[in-house]
C-alpha atoms as a PDB file:
ATOM      1  CA  UNK A   1     -79.382  71.251 -14.965  1.00  0.00           C
ATOM      2  CA  UNK A   2     -81.946  70.348 -12.422  1.00  0.00           C
ATOM      3  CA  UNK A   3     -83.302  73.360 -11.501  1.00  0.00           C
ATOM      4  CA  UNK A   4     -86.284  74.798 -13.590  1.00  0.00           C
ATOM      5  CA  UNK A   5     -85.195  78.477 -13.404  1.00  0.00           C
ATOM      6  CA  UNK A   6     -82.089  77.583 -14.628  1.00  0.00           C
ATOM      7  CA  UNK A   7     -83.674  75.772 -17.478  1.00  0.00           C
ATOM      8  CA  UNK A   8     -86.044  78.804 -18.509  1.00  0.00           C
ATOM      9  CA  UNK A   9     -82.821  80.951 -18.111  1.00  0.00           C
ATOM     10  CA  UNK A  10     -81.145  78.839 -20.665  1.00  0.00           C
ATOM     11  CA  UNK A  11     -84.253  79.185 -23.021  1.00  0.00           C
ATOM     12  CA  UNK A  12     -84.333  82.807 -22.847  1.00  0.00           C
ATOM     13  CA  UNK A  13     -80.589  83.221 -24.158  1.00  0.00           C
ATOM     14  CA  UNK A  14     -81.262  81.031 -27.247  1.00  0.00           C
ATOM     15  CA  UNK A  15     -80.905  82.847 -30.344  1.00  0.00           C
ATOM     16  CA  UNK A  16     -83.867  85.131 -31.142  1.00  0.00           C
ATOM     17  CA  UNK A  17     -84.493  83.136 -34.585  1.00  0.00           C
ATOM     18  CA  UNK A  18     -84.746  79.742 -32.645  1.00  0.00           C
ATOM     19  CA  UNK A  19     -87.207  81.172 -30.229  1.00  0.00           C
ATOM     20  CA  UNK A  20     -89.469  82.637 -32.983  1.00  0.00           C
ATOM     21  CA  UNK A  21     -89.349  79.083 -34.744  1.00  0.00           C
ATOM     22  CA  UNK A  22     -90.518  77.455 -31.502  1.00  0.00           C
ATOM     23  CA  UNK A  23     -92.976  80.162 -30.654  1.00  0.00           C
ATOM     24  CA  UNK A  24     -94.418  79.402 -34.016  1.00  0.00           C
ATOM     25  CA  UNK A  25     -94.368  75.795 -33.947  1.00  0.00           C
ATOM     26  CA  UNK A  26     -96.006  76.120 -30.408  1.00  0.00           C
ATOM     27  CA  UNK A  27     -98.929  78.375 -31.513  1.00  0.00           C
ATOM     28  CA  UNK A  28     -99.655  75.990 -34.474  1.00  0.00           C
ATOM     29  CA  UNK A  29    -100.080  72.790 -32.648  1.00  0.00           C
ATOM     30  CA  UNK A  30    -102.129  74.637 -30.134  1.00  0.00           C
ATOM     31  CA  UNK A  31    -104.427  76.022 -32.915  1.00  0.00           C
ATOM     32  CA  UNK A  32    -104.621  72.671 -34.504  1.00  0.00           C
ATOM     33  CA  UNK A  33    -105.800  71.095 -31.291  1.00  0.00           C
ATOM     34  CA  UNK A  34    -108.604  73.813 -31.129  1.00  0.00           C
ATOM     35  CA  UNK A  35    -111.466  72.172 -33.136  1.00  0.00           C
ATOM     36  CA  UNK A  36    -113.304  75.651 -34.160  1.00  0.00           C
ATOM     37  CA  UNK A  37    -110.016  77.080 -35.256  1.00  0.00           C
ATOM     38  CA  UNK A  38    -110.058  76.641 -39.535  1.00  0.00           C
ATOM     39  CA  UNK A  39    -106.749  75.063 -40.507  1.00  0.00           C
ATOM     40  CA  UNK A  40    -106.403  77.626 -43.540  1.00  0.00           C
ATOM     41  CA  UNK A  41    -105.548  80.232 -41.130  1.00  0.00           C
ATOM     42  CA  UNK A  42    -102.716  78.516 -39.014  1.00  0.00           C
ATOM     43  CA  UNK A  43    -100.093  79.191 -41.395  1.00  0.00           C
ATOM     44  CA  UNK A  44    -100.917  83.010 -41.584  1.00  0.00           C
ATOM     45  CA  UNK A  45    -101.101  83.103 -37.737  1.00  0.00           C
ATOM     46  CA  UNK A  46     -98.364  81.341 -37.188  1.00  0.00           C
ATOM     47  CA  UNK A  47     -95.764  83.584 -39.580  1.00  0.00           C
ATOM     48  CA  UNK A  48     -97.514  86.577 -37.658  1.00  0.00           C
ATOM     49  CA  UNK A  49     -96.424  84.995 -34.385  1.00  0.00           C
ATOM     50  CA  UNK A  50     -92.900  84.311 -35.456  1.00  0.00           C
ATOM     51  CA  UNK A  51     -92.683  87.999 -36.685  1.00  0.00           C
ATOM     52  CA  UNK A  52     -93.899  89.552 -33.653  1.00  0.00           C
ATOM     53  CA  UNK A  53     -92.062  87.234 -31.434  1.00  0.00           C
ATOM     54  CA  UNK A  54     -88.732  88.087 -33.436  1.00  0.00           C
ATOM     55  CA  UNK A  55     -89.390  91.703 -33.224  1.00  0.00           C
ATOM     56  CA  UNK A  56     -90.043  91.623 -29.461  1.00  0.00           C
ATOM     57  CA  UNK A  57     -86.869  89.332 -28.909  1.00  0.00           C
ATOM     58  CA  UNK A  58     -84.369  91.168 -30.830  1.00  0.00           C
ATOM     59  CA  UNK A  59     -82.204  94.123 -29.413  1.00  0.00           C
ATOM     60  CA  UNK A  60     -81.600  97.061 -31.501  1.00  0.00           C
ATOM     61  CA  UNK A  61     -78.158  98.113 -32.106  1.00  0.00           C
ATOM     62  CA  UNK A  62     -76.999 101.016 -30.408  1.00  0.00           C
ATOM     63  CA  UNK A  63     -77.443 103.275 -33.131  1.00  0.00           C
ATOM     64  CA  UNK A  64     -80.716 102.646 -34.007  1.00  0.00           C
ATOM     65  CA  UNK A  65     -82.320 105.065 -32.284  1.00  0.00           C
ATOM     66  CA  UNK A  66     -79.938 107.886 -33.525  1.00  0.00           C
ATOM     67  CA  UNK A  67     -82.740 108.864 -35.868  1.00  0.00           C
ATOM     68  CA  UNK A  68     -86.114 107.944 -36.911  1.00  0.00           C
ATOM     69  CA  UNK A  69     -85.322 106.635 -40.258  1.00  0.00           C
ATOM     70  CA  UNK A  70     -82.835 104.157 -38.882  1.00  0.00           C
ATOM     71  CA  UNK A  71     -85.037 102.800 -36.228  1.00  0.00           C
ATOM     72  CA  UNK A  72     -87.739 102.735 -38.777  1.00  0.00           C
ATOM     73  CA  UNK A  73     -85.417 100.641 -40.998  1.00  0.00           C
ATOM     74  CA  UNK A  74     -84.487  98.435 -38.100  1.00  0.00           C
ATOM     75  CA  UNK A  75     -88.233  97.671 -37.389  1.00  0.00           C
ATOM     76  CA  UNK A  76     -88.911  96.817 -40.995  1.00  0.00           C
ATOM     77  CA  UNK A  77     -86.024  94.706 -41.495  1.00  0.00           C
ATOM     78  CA  UNK A  78     -86.662  93.003 -38.325  1.00  0.00           C
ATOM     79  CA  UNK A  79     -90.334  92.149 -39.319  1.00  0.00           C
ATOM     80  CA  UNK A  80     -89.532  90.949 -42.530  1.00  0.00           C
ATOM     81  CA  UNK A  81     -86.733  88.697 -40.940  1.00  0.00           C
ATOM     82  CA  UNK A  82     -89.381  87.555 -38.562  1.00  0.00           C
ATOM     83  CA  UNK A  83     -91.798  86.642 -41.356  1.00  0.00           C
ATOM     84  CA  UNK A  84     -88.977  84.705 -43.119  1.00  0.00           C
ATOM     85  CA  UNK A  85     -88.562  82.963 -40.127  1.00  0.00           C
ATOM     86  CA  UNK A  86     -92.174  82.097 -39.629  1.00  0.00           C
ATOM     87  CA  UNK A  87     -92.119  80.893 -43.272  1.00  0.00           C
ATOM     88  CA  UNK A  88     -89.519  78.513 -42.526  1.00  0.00           C
ATOM     89  CA  UNK A  89     -90.990  76.935 -39.435  1.00  0.00           C
ATOM     90  CA  UNK A  90     -94.317  76.593 -41.380  1.00  0.00           C
ATOM     91  CA  UNK A  91     -92.233  74.763 -44.184  1.00  0.00           C
ATOM     92  CA  UNK A  92     -90.336  72.763 -41.672  1.00  0.00           C
ATOM     93  CA  UNK A  93     -93.506  71.540 -40.255  1.00  0.00           C
ATOM     94  CA  UNK A  94     -95.450  70.586 -43.604  1.00  0.00           C
ATOM     95  CA  UNK A  95     -92.435  68.995 -45.080  1.00  0.00           C
ATOM     96  CA  UNK A  96     -90.670  67.184 -41.784  1.00  0.00           C
ATOM     97  CA  UNK A  97     -92.652  67.271 -38.927  1.00  0.00           C
ATOM     98  CA  UNK A  98     -95.931  66.259 -40.507  1.00  0.00           C
ATOM     99  CA  UNK A  99     -94.727  63.012 -41.650  1.00  0.00           C
ATOM    100  CA  UNK A 100     -92.751  62.394 -38.140  1.00  0.00           C
ATOM    101  CA  UNK A 101     -96.396  63.079 -36.646  1.00  0.00           C
ATOM    102  CA  UNK A 102     -97.768  60.231 -38.743  1.00  0.00           C
ATOM    103  CA  UNK A 103     -95.250  57.749 -37.699  1.00  0.00           C
ATOM    104  CA  UNK A 104     -95.723  58.463 -33.905  1.00  0.00           C
ATOM    105  CA  UNK A 105     -99.204  56.840 -33.183  1.00  0.00           C
ATOM    106  CA  UNK A 106    -100.268  58.674 -29.991  1.00  0.00           C
ATOM    107  CA  UNK A 107     -99.321  62.136 -31.758  1.00  0.00           C
ATOM    108  CA  UNK A 108    -100.934  61.386 -35.243  1.00  0.00           C
ATOM    109  CA  UNK A 109    -104.204  60.031 -33.670  1.00  0.00           C
ATOM    110  CA  UNK A 110    -104.723  62.927 -31.262  1.00  0.00           C
ATOM    111  CA  UNK A 111    -104.135  65.450 -34.339  1.00  0.00           C
ATOM    112  CA  UNK A 112    -106.250  63.500 -36.843  1.00  0.00           C
ATOM    113  CA  UNK A 113    -109.046  63.356 -34.063  1.00  0.00           C
ATOM    114  CA  UNK A 114    -108.972  67.048 -33.653  1.00  0.00           C
ATOM    115  CA  UNK A 115    -109.121  67.709 -37.412  1.00  0.00           C
ATOM    116  CA  UNK A 116    -111.906  65.397 -37.767  1.00  0.00           C
ATOM    117  CA  UNK A 117    -113.806  67.257 -35.035  1.00  0.00           C
ATOM    118  CA  UNK A 118    -113.321  70.350 -37.134  1.00  0.00           C
ATOM    119  CA  UNK A 119    -114.757  68.852 -39.967  1.00  0.00           C
ATOM    120  CA  UNK A 120    -117.613  67.803 -38.062  1.00  0.00           C
ATOM    121  CA  UNK A 121    -118.187  71.243 -37.021  1.00  0.00           C
ATOM    122  CA  UNK A 122    -118.596  72.844 -40.391  1.00  0.00           C
END
Protein backbone atom coordinates (compact mmCIF):
# COMPACT_ATOMS: atom_id res chain seq x y z
CA UNK A 1 0.00 0.00 0.00
CA UNK A 2 2.63 2.51 -1.10
CA UNK A 3 0.27 4.53 -3.24
CA UNK A 4 -1.33 7.42 -1.31
CA UNK A 5 -4.55 7.08 -3.32
CA UNK A 6 -4.88 3.46 -2.25
CA UNK A 7 -4.44 4.54 1.36
CA UNK A 8 -7.14 7.20 1.04
CA UNK A 9 -9.46 4.73 -0.71
CA UNK A 10 -8.93 2.18 2.06
CA UNK A 11 -9.85 4.85 4.63
CA UNK A 12 -13.04 5.66 2.75
CA UNK A 13 -14.08 2.01 2.85
CA UNK A 14 -13.80 1.78 6.66
CA UNK A 15 -16.97 1.39 8.72
CA UNK A 16 -18.78 4.75 9.11
CA UNK A 17 -18.75 4.40 12.91
CA UNK A 18 -14.94 4.17 12.95
CA UNK A 19 -14.66 7.14 10.61
CA UNK A 20 -17.02 9.16 12.83
CA UNK A 21 -14.86 8.38 15.89
CA UNK A 22 -11.71 9.39 13.99
CA UNK A 23 -13.39 12.61 12.81
CA UNK A 24 -14.45 13.47 16.36
CA UNK A 25 -10.96 12.81 17.74
CA UNK A 26 -9.34 14.82 14.95
CA UNK A 27 -11.63 17.82 15.45
CA UNK A 28 -11.17 17.63 19.21
CA UNK A 29 -7.38 17.74 18.97
CA UNK A 30 -7.46 20.57 16.42
CA UNK A 31 -9.74 22.58 18.70
CA UNK A 32 -7.47 21.84 21.67
CA UNK A 33 -4.57 23.41 19.79
CA UNK A 34 -6.52 26.62 19.07
CA UNK A 35 -5.77 28.86 22.05
CA UNK A 36 -8.88 31.02 21.75
CA UNK A 37 -11.34 28.09 21.71
CA UNK A 38 -12.69 27.24 25.20
CA UNK A 39 -12.06 23.67 26.39
CA UNK A 40 -15.56 23.39 27.84
CA UNK A 41 -17.10 23.48 24.35
CA UNK A 42 -14.89 20.79 22.79
CA UNK A 43 -17.00 17.77 23.91
CA UNK A 44 -20.23 19.22 22.53
CA UNK A 45 -18.63 20.13 19.23
CA UNK A 46 -16.90 16.78 18.80
CA UNK A 47 -20.16 14.93 19.50
CA UNK A 48 -21.92 17.13 16.93
CA UNK A 49 -19.19 16.53 14.36
CA UNK A 50 -19.43 12.80 14.96
CA UNK A 51 -23.21 12.85 14.50
CA UNK A 52 -22.89 14.83 11.28
CA UNK A 53 -20.10 12.65 9.95
CA UNK A 54 -22.05 9.48 10.72
CA UNK A 55 -25.15 10.86 9.04
CA UNK A 56 -23.12 11.87 5.99
CA UNK A 57 -21.24 8.56 5.72
CA UNK A 58 -24.13 6.13 6.23
CA UNK A 59 -25.94 4.89 3.16
CA UNK A 60 -29.69 4.70 3.70
CA UNK A 61 -31.36 1.35 3.05
CA UNK A 62 -33.22 0.91 -0.21
CA UNK A 63 -36.64 1.19 1.42
CA UNK A 64 -35.81 4.35 3.40
CA UNK A 65 -37.23 6.54 0.64
CA UNK A 66 -40.51 4.60 0.45
CA UNK A 67 -42.34 7.26 2.41
CA UNK A 68 -41.49 10.34 4.44
CA UNK A 69 -42.02 8.64 7.80
CA UNK A 70 -39.48 5.88 7.14
CA UNK A 71 -36.92 8.38 5.83
CA UNK A 72 -37.47 10.63 8.86
CA UNK A 73 -37.11 7.59 11.15
CA UNK A 74 -33.84 6.70 9.38
CA UNK A 75 -32.48 10.25 9.82
CA UNK A 76 -33.37 10.40 13.53
CA UNK A 77 -31.93 6.94 14.22
CA UNK A 78 -28.72 7.79 12.37
CA UNK A 79 -28.33 11.09 14.24
CA UNK A 80 -28.88 9.37 17.59
CA UNK A 81 -26.31 6.69 16.73
CA UNK A 82 -23.89 9.41 15.61
CA UNK A 83 -24.30 11.19 18.96
CA UNK A 84 -23.70 7.94 20.84
CA UNK A 85 -20.59 7.29 18.76
CA UNK A 86 -19.38 10.85 19.44
CA UNK A 87 -19.96 10.37 23.16
CA UNK A 88 -17.96 7.14 22.98
CA UNK A 89 -15.12 8.98 21.20
CA UNK A 90 -15.09 11.70 23.85
CA UNK A 91 -15.12 9.16 26.70
CA UNK A 92 -12.39 7.16 24.96
CA UNK A 93 -10.27 10.29 24.89
CA UNK A 94 -11.09 11.35 28.45
CA UNK A 95 -10.45 7.93 30.01
CA UNK A 96 -7.62 6.48 27.91
CA UNK A 97 -6.00 8.80 25.40
CA UNK A 98 -5.49 11.62 27.88
CA UNK A 99 -3.40 9.30 30.08
CA UNK A 100 -1.35 8.20 27.09
CA UNK A 101 -0.80 11.85 26.07
CA UNK A 102 0.68 12.61 29.47
CA UNK A 103 3.19 9.77 29.12
CA UNK A 104 4.44 10.92 25.68
CA UNK A 105 6.60 13.99 26.33
CA UNK A 106 6.27 15.94 23.08
CA UNK A 107 2.50 15.42 22.76
CA UNK A 108 1.67 16.17 26.38
CA UNK A 109 3.91 19.26 26.41
CA UNK A 110 2.37 20.65 23.21
CA UNK A 111 -1.18 20.20 24.49
CA UNK A 112 -0.25 21.61 27.91
CA UNK A 113 1.30 24.67 26.25
CA UNK A 114 -1.87 25.18 24.20
CA UNK A 115 -4.10 25.07 27.27
CA UNK A 116 -1.77 27.40 29.22
CA UNK A 117 -1.95 29.87 26.36
CA UNK A 118 -5.74 29.68 26.58
CA UNK A 119 -5.73 30.51 30.29
CA UNK A 120 -3.44 33.46 29.67
CA UNK A 121 -5.88 34.82 27.07
CA UNK A 122 -8.84 34.82 29.49
